[in-house]
Amino acid sequence: MLKSNNYSISAIARKVGISRQQIYRIKKREELTKSQEETTNGI
């Protein structure tokens, strides 16, 4: 099930014209913003 999910996501991304690198960058950016929010909340 996970494999088919990953495949469909990459297939959709291909249709939209988003490369895996861009998706990876977006995910990393989301993680960074989340960690930044946590640190600002902690202060």
PDB file of N, CA and C in Angstrom:
ATOM      1  N   MET A   1       0.835  -1.200   0.000  1.00  0.00           N
ATOM      2  CA  MET A   1       0.000   0.000   0.000  1.00  0.00           C
ATOM      3  C   MET A   1       0.878   1.262   0.000  1.00  0.00           C
ATOM      4  N   LEU A   2       1.927   1.260   0.810  1.00  0.00           N
ATOM      5  CA  LEU A   2       2.811   2.420   0.846  1.00  0.00           C
ATOM      6  C   LEU A   2       3.464   2.637  -0.513  1.00  0.00           C
ATOM      7  N   LYS A   3       3.847   1.516  -1.162  1.00  0.00           N
ATOM      8  CA  LYS A   3       4.501   1.636  -2.469  1.00  0.00           C
ATOM      9  C   LYS A   3       3.562   2.297  -3.469  1.00  0.00           C
ATOM     10  N   SER A   4       2.318   1.861  -3.502  1.00  0.00           N
ATOM     11  CA  SER A   4       1.355   2.433  -4.452  1.00  0.00           C
ATOM     12  C   SER A   4       1.112   3.904  -4.112  1.00  0.00           C
ATOM     13  N   ASN A   5       1.091   4.230  -2.824  1.00  0.00           N
ATOM     14  CA  ASN A   5       0.899   5.627  -2.415  1.00  0.00           C
ATOM     15  C   ASN A   5       2.055   6.486  -2.923  1.00  0.00           C
ATOM     16  N   ASN A   6       3.278   6.012  -2.683  1.00  0.00           N
ATOM     17  CA  ASN A   6       4.451   6.762  -3.130  1.00  0.00           C
ATOM     18  C   ASN A   6       4.440   6.908  -4.643  1.00  0.00           C
ATOM     19  N   TYR A   7       4.027   5.837  -5.329  1.00  0.00           N
ATOM     20  CA  TYR A   7       4.016   5.885  -6.797  1.00  0.00           C
ATOM     21  C   TYR A   7       3.015   6.925  -7.279  1.00  0.00           C
ATOM     22  N   SER A   8       1.823   6.914  -6.693  1.00  0.00           N
ATOM     23  CA  SER A   8       0.785   7.859  -7.128  1.00  0.00           C
ATOM     24  C   SER A   8       1.235   9.292  -6.851  1.00  0.00           C
ATOM     25  N   ILE A   9       1.887   9.517  -5.720  1.00  0.00           N
ATOM     26  CA  ILE A   9       2.360  10.865  -5.382  1.00  0.00           C
ATOM     27  C   ILE A   9       3.393  11.315  -6.411  1.00  0.00           C
ATOM     28  N   SER A  10       4.349  10.434  -6.746  1.00  0.00           N
ATOM     29  CA  SER A  10       5.374  10.802  -7.721  1.00  0.00           C
ATOM     30  C   SER A  10       4.760  10.977  -9.097  1.00  0.00           C
ATOM     31  N   ALA A  11       3.750  10.159  -9.426  1.00  0.00           N
ATOM     32  CA  ALA A  11       3.083  10.275 -10.728  1.00  0.00           C
ATOM     33  C   ALA A  11       2.363  11.615 -10.825  1.00  0.00           C
ATOM     34  N   ILE A  12       1.676  11.989  -9.760  1.00  0.00           N
ATOM     35  CA  ILE A  12       0.976  13.285  -9.728  1.00  0.00           C
ATOM     36  C   ILE A  12       2.005  14.411  -9.828  1.00  0.00           C
ATOM     37  N   ALA A  13       3.083  14.288  -9.082  1.00  0.00           N
ATOM     38  CA  ALA A  13       4.128  15.308  -9.101  1.00  0.00           C
ATOM     39  C   ALA A  13       4.696  15.444 -10.509  1.00  0.00           C
ATOM     40  N   ARG A  14       4.857  14.312 -11.198  1.00  0.00           N
ATOM     41  CA  ARG A  14       5.392  14.346 -12.556  1.00  0.00           C
ATOM     42  C   ARG A  14       4.426  15.098 -13.474  1.00  0.00           C
ATOM     43  N   LYS A  15       3.140  14.824 -13.300  1.00  0.00           N
ATOM     44  CA  LYS A  15       2.124  15.505 -14.121  1.00  0.00           C
ATOM     45  C   LYS A  15       2.172  17.005 -13.872  1.00  0.00           C
ATOM     46  N   VAL A  16       2.289  17.381 -12.615  1.00  0.00           N
ATOM     47  CA  VAL A  16       2.304  18.805 -12.261  1.00  0.00           C
ATOM     48  C   VAL A  16       3.627  19.443 -12.690  1.00  0.00           C
ATOM     49  N   GLY A  17       4.652  18.630 -12.822  1.00  0.00           N
ATOM     50  CA  GLY A  17       5.951  19.144 -13.247  1.00  0.00           C
ATOM     51  C   GLY A  17       6.859  19.444 -12.074  1.00  0.00           C
ATOM     52  N   ILE A  18       6.605  18.788 -10.956  1.00  0.00           N
ATOM     53  CA  ILE A  18       7.441  18.991  -9.771  1.00  0.00           C
ATOM     54  C   ILE A  18       8.439  17.839  -9.692  1.00  0.00           C
ATOM     55  N   SER A  19       9.698  18.174  -9.582  1.00  0.00           N
ATOM     56  CA  SER A  19      10.719  17.142  -9.487  1.00  0.00           C
ATOM     57  C   SER A  19      10.834  16.648  -8.048  1.00  0.00           C
ATOM     58  N   ARG A  20      11.438  15.496  -7.890  1.00  0.00           N
ATOM     59  CA  ARG A  20      11.596  14.936  -6.536  1.00  0.00           C
ATOM     60  C   ARG A  20      12.427  15.866  -5.673  1.00  0.00           C
ATOM     61  N   GLN A  21      13.424  16.503  -6.279  1.00  0.00           N
ATOM     62  CA  GLN A  21      14.270  17.437  -5.526  1.00  0.00           C
ATOM     63  C   GLN A  21      13.437  18.563  -4.941  1.00  0.00           C
ATOM     64  N   GLN A  22      12.515  19.084  -5.747  1.00  0.00           N
ATOM     65  CA  GLN A  22      11.678  20.187  -5.262  1.00  0.00           C
ATOM     66  C   GLN A  22      10.799  19.714  -4.118  1.00  0.00           C
ATOM     67  N   ILE A  23      10.227  18.507  -4.264  1.00  0.00           N
ATOM     68  CA  ILE A  23       9.384  17.962  -3.193  1.00  0.00           C
ATOM     69  C   ILE A  23      10.221  17.817  -1.927  1.00  0.00           C
ATOM     70  N   TYR A  24      11.465  17.306  -2.090  1.00  0.00           N
ATOM     71  CA  TYR A  24      12.359  17.123  -0.952  1.00  0.00           C
ATOM     72  C   TYR A  24      12.643  18.462  -0.288  1.00  0.00           C
ATOM     73  N   ARG A  25      12.884  19.488  -1.109  1.00  0.00           N
ATOM     74  CA  ARG A  25      13.161  20.824  -0.557  1.00  0.00           C
ATOM     75  C   ARG A  25      11.958  21.348   0.201  1.00  0.00           C
ATOM     76  N   ILE A  26      10.766  21.152  -0.369  1.00  0.00           N
ATOM     77  CA  ILE A  26       9.545  21.629   0.291  1.00  0.00           C
ATOM     78  C   ILE A  26       9.398  20.935   1.643  1.00  0.00           C
ATOM     79  N   LYS A  27       9.630  19.612   1.659  1.00  0.00           N
ATOM     80  CA  LYS A  27       9.510  18.862   2.919  1.00  0.00           C
ATOM     81  C   LYS A  27      10.516  19.384   3.926  1.00  0.00           C
ATOM     82  N   LYS A  28      11.746  19.608   3.482  1.00  0.00           N
ATOM     83  CA  LYS A  28      12.791  20.103   4.379  1.00  0.00           C
ATOM     84  C   LYS A  28      12.401  21.474   4.922  1.00  0.00           C
ATOM     85  N   ARG A  29      11.850  22.326   4.048  1.00  0.00           N
ATOM     86  CA  ARG A  29      11.451  23.670   4.468  1.00  0.00           C
ATOM     87  C   ARG A  29      10.367  23.575   5.530  1.00  0.00           C
ATOM     88  N   GLU A  30       9.406  22.660   5.315  1.00  0.00           N
ATOM     89  CA  GLU A  30       8.331  22.488   6.295  1.00  0.00           C
ATOM     90  C   GLU A  30       8.909  22.045   7.634  1.00  0.00           C
ATOM     91  N   GLU A  31       9.879  21.099   7.578  1.00  0.00           N
ATOM     92  CA  GLU A  31      10.497  20.624   8.819  1.00  0.00           C
ATOM     93  C   GLU A  31      11.228  21.772   9.514  1.00  0.00           C
ATOM     94  N   LEU A  32      11.927  22.590   8.741  1.00  0.00           N
ATOM     95  CA  LEU A  32      12.676  23.709   9.318  1.00  0.00           C
ATOM     96  C   LEU A  32      11.730  24.697   9.988  1.00  0.00           C
ATOM     97  N   THR A  33      10.647  25.045   9.315  1.00  0.00           N
ATOM     98  CA  THR A  33       9.705  26.010   9.888  1.00  0.00           C
ATOM     99  C   THR A  33       9.079  25.438  11.152  1.00  0.00           C
ATOM    100  N   LYS A  34       8.801  24.135  11.141  1.00  0.00           N
ATOM    101  CA  LYS A  34       8.212  23.503  12.329  1.00  0.00           C
ATOM    102  C   LYS A  34       9.177  23.594  13.501  1.00  0.00           C
ATOM    103  N   SER A  35      10.456  23.263  13.259  1.00  0.00           N
ATOM    104  CA  SER A  35      11.441  23.297  14.337  1.00  0.00           C
ATOM    105  C   SER A  35      11.655  24.732  14.814  1.00  0.00           C
ATOM    106  N   GLN A  36      11.627  25.693  13.888  1.00  0.00           N
ATOM    107  CA  GLN A  36      11.793  27.095  14.272  1.00  0.00           C
ATOM    108  C   GLN A  36      10.629  27.543  15.143  1.00  0.00           C
ATOM    109  N   GLU A  37       9.410  27.137  14.777  1.00  0.00           N
ATOM    110  CA  GLU A  37       8.237  27.502  15.568  1.00  0.00           C
ATOM    111  C   GLU A  37       8.354  26.924  16.975  1.00  0.00           C
ATOM    112  N   GLU A  38       8.831  25.675  17.053  1.00  0.00           N
ATOM    113  CA  GLU A  38       8.974  25.027  18.360  1.00  0.00           C
ATOM    114  C   GLU A  38       9.981  25.780  19.217  1.00  0.00           C
ATOM    115  N   THR A  39      11.092  26.214  18.616  1.00  0.00           N
ATOM    116  CA  THR A  39      12.117  26.910  19.398  1.00  0.00           C
ATOM    117  C   THR A  39      11.606  28.276  19.848  1.00  0.00           C
ATOM    118  N   THR A  40      10.885  28.987  18.981  1.00  0.00           N
ATOM    119  CA  THR A  40      10.373  30.308  19.365  1.00  0.00           C
ATOM    120  C   THR A  40       9.314  30.157  20.452  1.00  0.00           C
ATOM    121  N   ASN A  41       8.531  29.102  20.366  1.00  0.00           N
ATOM    122  CA  ASN A  41       7.518  28.868  21.397  1.00  0.00           C
ATOM    123  C   ASN A  41       8.182  28.510  22.720  1.00  0.00           C
ATOM    124  N   GLY A  42       9.325  27.796  22.644  1.00  0.00           N
ATOM    125  CA  GLY A  42      10.004  27.357  23.855  1.00  0.00           C
ATOM    126  C   GLY A  42      10.652  28.511  24.595  1.00  0.00           C
ATOM    127  N   ILE A  43      11.025  29.554  23.869  1.00  0.00           N
ATOM    128  CA  ILE A  43      11.720  30.689  24.515  1.00  0.00           C
ATOM    129  C   ILE A  43      10.744  31.487  25.369  1.00  0.00           C
TER     130      ILE A  43
END
